C-alpha atoms as a PDB file:
ATOM      1  CA  UNK A   1     -26.148 -36.999 109.728  1.00  0.00           C
ATOM      2  CA  UNK A   2     -24.940 -34.165 107.541  1.00  0.00           C
ATOM      3  CA  UNK A   3     -26.692 -31.877 105.128  1.00  0.00           C
ATOM      4  CA  UNK A   4     -25.799 -29.728 102.140  1.00  0.00           C
ATOM      5  CA  UNK A   5     -26.795 -26.163 101.270  1.00  0.00           C
ATOM      6  CA  UNK A   6     -29.647 -27.189  98.966  1.00  0.00           C
ATOM      7  CA  UNK A   7     -29.925 -30.862  99.824  1.00  0.00           C
ATOM      8  CA  UNK A   8     -31.852 -33.034 102.205  1.00  0.00           C
ATOM      9  CA  UNK A   9     -30.231 -34.601 105.234  1.00  0.00           C
ATOM     10  CA  UNK A  10     -28.275 -37.761 104.405  1.00  0.00           C
ATOM     11  CA  UNK A  11     -29.694 -40.928 105.882  1.00  0.00           C
ATOM     12  CA  UNK A  12     -33.323 -39.827 105.669  1.00  0.00           C
ATOM     13  CA  UNK A  13     -35.636 -42.425 104.126  1.00  0.00           C
ATOM     14  CA  UNK A  14     -37.331 -39.722 102.089  1.00  0.00           C
ATOM     15  CA  UNK A  15     -34.088 -39.112 100.117  1.00  0.00           C
ATOM     16  CA  UNK A  16     -34.448 -41.911  97.536  1.00  0.00           C
ATOM     17  CA  UNK A  17     -38.078 -40.977  96.852  1.00  0.00           C
ATOM     18  CA  UNK A  18     -37.199 -37.314  96.311  1.00  0.00           C
ATOM     19  CA  UNK A  19     -34.325 -38.351  94.035  1.00  0.00           C
ATOM     20  CA  UNK A  20     -36.677 -40.414  91.858  1.00  0.00           C
ATOM     21  CA  UNK A  21     -39.252 -37.617  91.702  1.00  0.00           C
ATOM     22  CA  UNK A  22     -36.569 -35.074  90.789  1.00  0.00           C
ATOM     23  CA  UNK A  23     -34.942 -37.297  88.147  1.00  0.00           C
ATOM     24  CA  UNK A  24     -38.278 -38.125  86.534  1.00  0.00           C
ATOM     25  CA  UNK A  25     -39.038 -34.405  86.215  1.00  0.00           C
ATOM     26  CA  UNK A  26     -35.582 -33.613  84.792  1.00  0.00           C
ATOM     27  CA  UNK A  27     -36.409 -34.119  81.082  1.00  0.00           C
ATOM     28  CA  UNK A  28     -39.267 -31.605  81.329  1.00  0.00           C
ATOM     29  CA  UNK A  29     -37.021 -28.971  82.914  1.00  0.00           C
ATOM     30  CA  UNK A  30     -34.325 -29.150  80.209  1.00  0.00           C
ATOM     31  CA  UNK A  31     -35.816 -27.173  77.355  1.00  0.00           C
ATOM     32  CA  UNK A  32     -34.996 -28.039  73.731  1.00  0.00           C
ATOM     33  CA  UNK A  33     -33.135 -31.176  74.833  1.00  0.00           C
ATOM     34  CA  UNK A  34     -33.590 -34.905  74.629  1.00  0.00           C
ATOM     35  CA  UNK A  35     -32.449 -36.832  77.707  1.00  0.00           C
ATOM     36  CA  UNK A  36     -31.515 -40.439  78.358  1.00  0.00           C
ATOM     37  CA  UNK A  37     -31.736 -41.395  82.031  1.00  0.00           C
ATOM     38  CA  UNK A  38     -30.157 -44.494  83.534  1.00  0.00           C
ATOM     39  CA  UNK A  39     -29.901 -44.780  87.330  1.00  0.00           C
ATOM     40  CA  UNK A  40     -28.061 -41.614  88.350  1.00  0.00           C
ATOM     41  CA  UNK A  41     -26.452 -40.983  84.927  1.00  0.00           C
ATOM     42  CA  UNK A  42     -27.979 -38.638  82.394  1.00  0.00           C
ATOM     43  CA  UNK A  43     -27.114 -38.055  78.737  1.00  0.00           C
ATOM     44  CA  UNK A  44     -28.353 -34.764  77.310  1.00  0.00           C
ATOM     45  CA  UNK A  45     -28.757 -34.469  73.547  1.00  0.00           C
ATOM     46  CA  UNK A  46     -29.239 -31.100  71.872  1.00  0.00           C
ATOM     47  CA  UNK A  47     -30.303 -31.422  68.254  1.00  0.00           C
ATOM     48  CA  UNK A  48     -29.257 -28.208  66.544  1.00  0.00           C
ATOM     49  CA  UNK A  49     -26.657 -26.646  64.309  1.00  0.00           C
ATOM     50  CA  UNK A  50     -26.650 -23.677  66.694  1.00  0.00           C
ATOM     51  CA  UNK A  51     -24.066 -24.033  69.507  1.00  0.00           C
ATOM     52  CA  UNK A  52     -25.960 -21.382  71.497  1.00  0.00           C
ATOM     53  CA  UNK A  53     -28.715 -23.963  72.110  1.00  0.00           C
ATOM     54  CA  UNK A  54     -26.092 -26.249  73.631  1.00  0.00           C
ATOM     55  CA  UNK A  55     -24.916 -23.452  75.916  1.00  0.00           C
ATOM     56  CA  UNK A  56     -28.530 -22.800  76.959  1.00  0.00           C
ATOM     57  CA  UNK A  57     -28.937 -26.477  77.879  1.00  0.00           C
ATOM     58  CA  UNK A  58     -25.822 -26.349  80.038  1.00  0.00           C
ATOM     59  CA  UNK A  59     -27.002 -23.131  81.699  1.00  0.00           C
ATOM     60  CA  UNK A  60     -30.386 -24.746  82.340  1.00  0.00           C
ATOM     61  CA  UNK A  61     -28.598 -27.290  84.517  1.00  0.00           C
ATOM     62  CA  UNK A  62     -27.360 -24.659  86.964  1.00  0.00           C
ATOM     63  CA  UNK A  63     -30.709 -22.838  86.884  1.00  0.00           C
ATOM     64  CA  UNK A  64     -32.273 -26.063  88.190  1.00  0.00           C
ATOM     65  CA  UNK A  65     -29.607 -26.437  90.907  1.00  0.00           C
ATOM     66  CA  UNK A  66     -27.955 -29.368  89.120  1.00  0.00           C
ATOM     67  CA  UNK A  67     -24.230 -29.926  89.033  1.00  0.00           C
ATOM     68  CA  UNK A  68     -22.335 -31.579  86.223  1.00  0.00           C
ATOM     69  CA  UNK A  69     -19.639 -34.084  87.110  1.00  0.00           C
ATOM     70  CA  UNK A  70     -16.869 -32.514  85.060  1.00  0.00           C
ATOM     71  CA  UNK A  71     -14.830 -35.724  85.242  1.00  0.00           C
ATOM     72  CA  UNK A  72     -17.564 -37.561  83.312  1.00  0.00           C
ATOM     73  CA  UNK A  73     -18.980 -34.704  81.215  1.00  0.00           C
ATOM     74  CA  UNK A  74     -17.987 -34.603  77.552  1.00  0.00           C
ATOM     75  CA  UNK A  75     -19.242 -32.729  74.491  1.00  0.00           C
ATOM     76  CA  UNK A  76     -19.598 -34.575  71.196  1.00  0.00           C
ATOM     77  CA  UNK A  77     -20.814 -33.194  67.879  1.00  0.00           C
ATOM     78  CA  UNK A  78     -22.533 -35.397  65.288  1.00  0.00           C
ATOM     79  CA  UNK A  79     -23.254 -34.659  61.651  1.00  0.00           C
ATOM     80  CA  UNK A  80     -21.752 -34.706  58.204  1.00  0.00           C
ATOM     81  CA  UNK A  81     -17.977 -34.451  58.044  1.00  0.00           C
ATOM     82  CA  UNK A  82     -17.972 -30.864  56.748  1.00  0.00           C
ATOM     83  CA  UNK A  83     -20.404 -29.795  59.490  1.00  0.00           C
ATOM     84  CA  UNK A  84     -18.577 -31.513  62.344  1.00  0.00           C
ATOM     85  CA  UNK A  85     -15.173 -30.125  61.340  1.00  0.00           C
ATOM     86  CA  UNK A  86     -16.606 -26.608  61.716  1.00  0.00           C
ATOM     87  CA  UNK A  87     -17.412 -27.338  65.367  1.00  0.00           C
ATOM     88  CA  UNK A  88     -13.835 -28.159  66.418  1.00  0.00           C
ATOM     89  CA  UNK A  89     -13.363 -24.579  67.636  1.00  0.00           C
ATOM     90  CA  UNK A  90     -16.688 -24.443  69.518  1.00  0.00           C
ATOM     91  CA  UNK A  91     -16.101 -24.264  73.266  1.00  0.00           C
ATOM     92  CA  UNK A  92     -18.799 -25.123  75.786  1.00  0.00           C
ATOM     93  CA  UNK A  93     -18.337 -23.805  79.314  1.00  0.00           C
ATOM     94  CA  UNK A  94     -19.947 -24.746  82.619  1.00  0.00           C
ATOM     95  CA  UNK A  95     -19.184 -22.931  85.863  1.00  0.00           C
ATOM     96  CA  UNK A  96     -16.020 -21.309  84.396  1.00  0.00           C
ATOM     97  CA  UNK A  97     -14.691 -24.692  83.220  1.00  0.00           C
ATOM     98  CA  UNK A  98     -14.466 -25.804  79.599  1.00  0.00           C
ATOM     99  CA  UNK A  99     -16.290 -29.034  78.751  1.00  0.00           C
ATOM    100  CA  UNK A 100     -13.971 -31.320  76.809  1.00  0.00           C
ATOM    101  CA  UNK A 101     -14.839 -31.895  73.147  1.00  0.00           C
ATOM    102  CA  UNK A 102     -14.408 -35.541  72.087  1.00  0.00           C
ATOM    103  CA  UNK A 103     -14.831 -37.484  68.839  1.00  0.00           C
ATOM    104  CA  UNK A 104     -15.524 -40.829  70.578  1.00  0.00           C
ATOM    105  CA  UNK A 105     -16.548 -41.913  74.041  1.00  0.00           C
END
């Protein structure tokens, strides 16, 4: 059995229960966000024209000891064409890494 710095010991039967409790509480801990949960995947939606709210949502992840899988994490902007084209230069960062902006996923 091994353990992480802020994790429970692997192989403990309590692990799946704690995971479910933590994941069910996740939407309440992400302020100003809408979340879609499916198994261990989470989609976070920030409804705003202010990119600072998006940055706050990303920072909220680390404040709650959550890690983003940067291989699966993308940033997508929705809106009218003239609004979305203004966001092409917006950069979102997490843990000193830029989150990739995409137009489809």
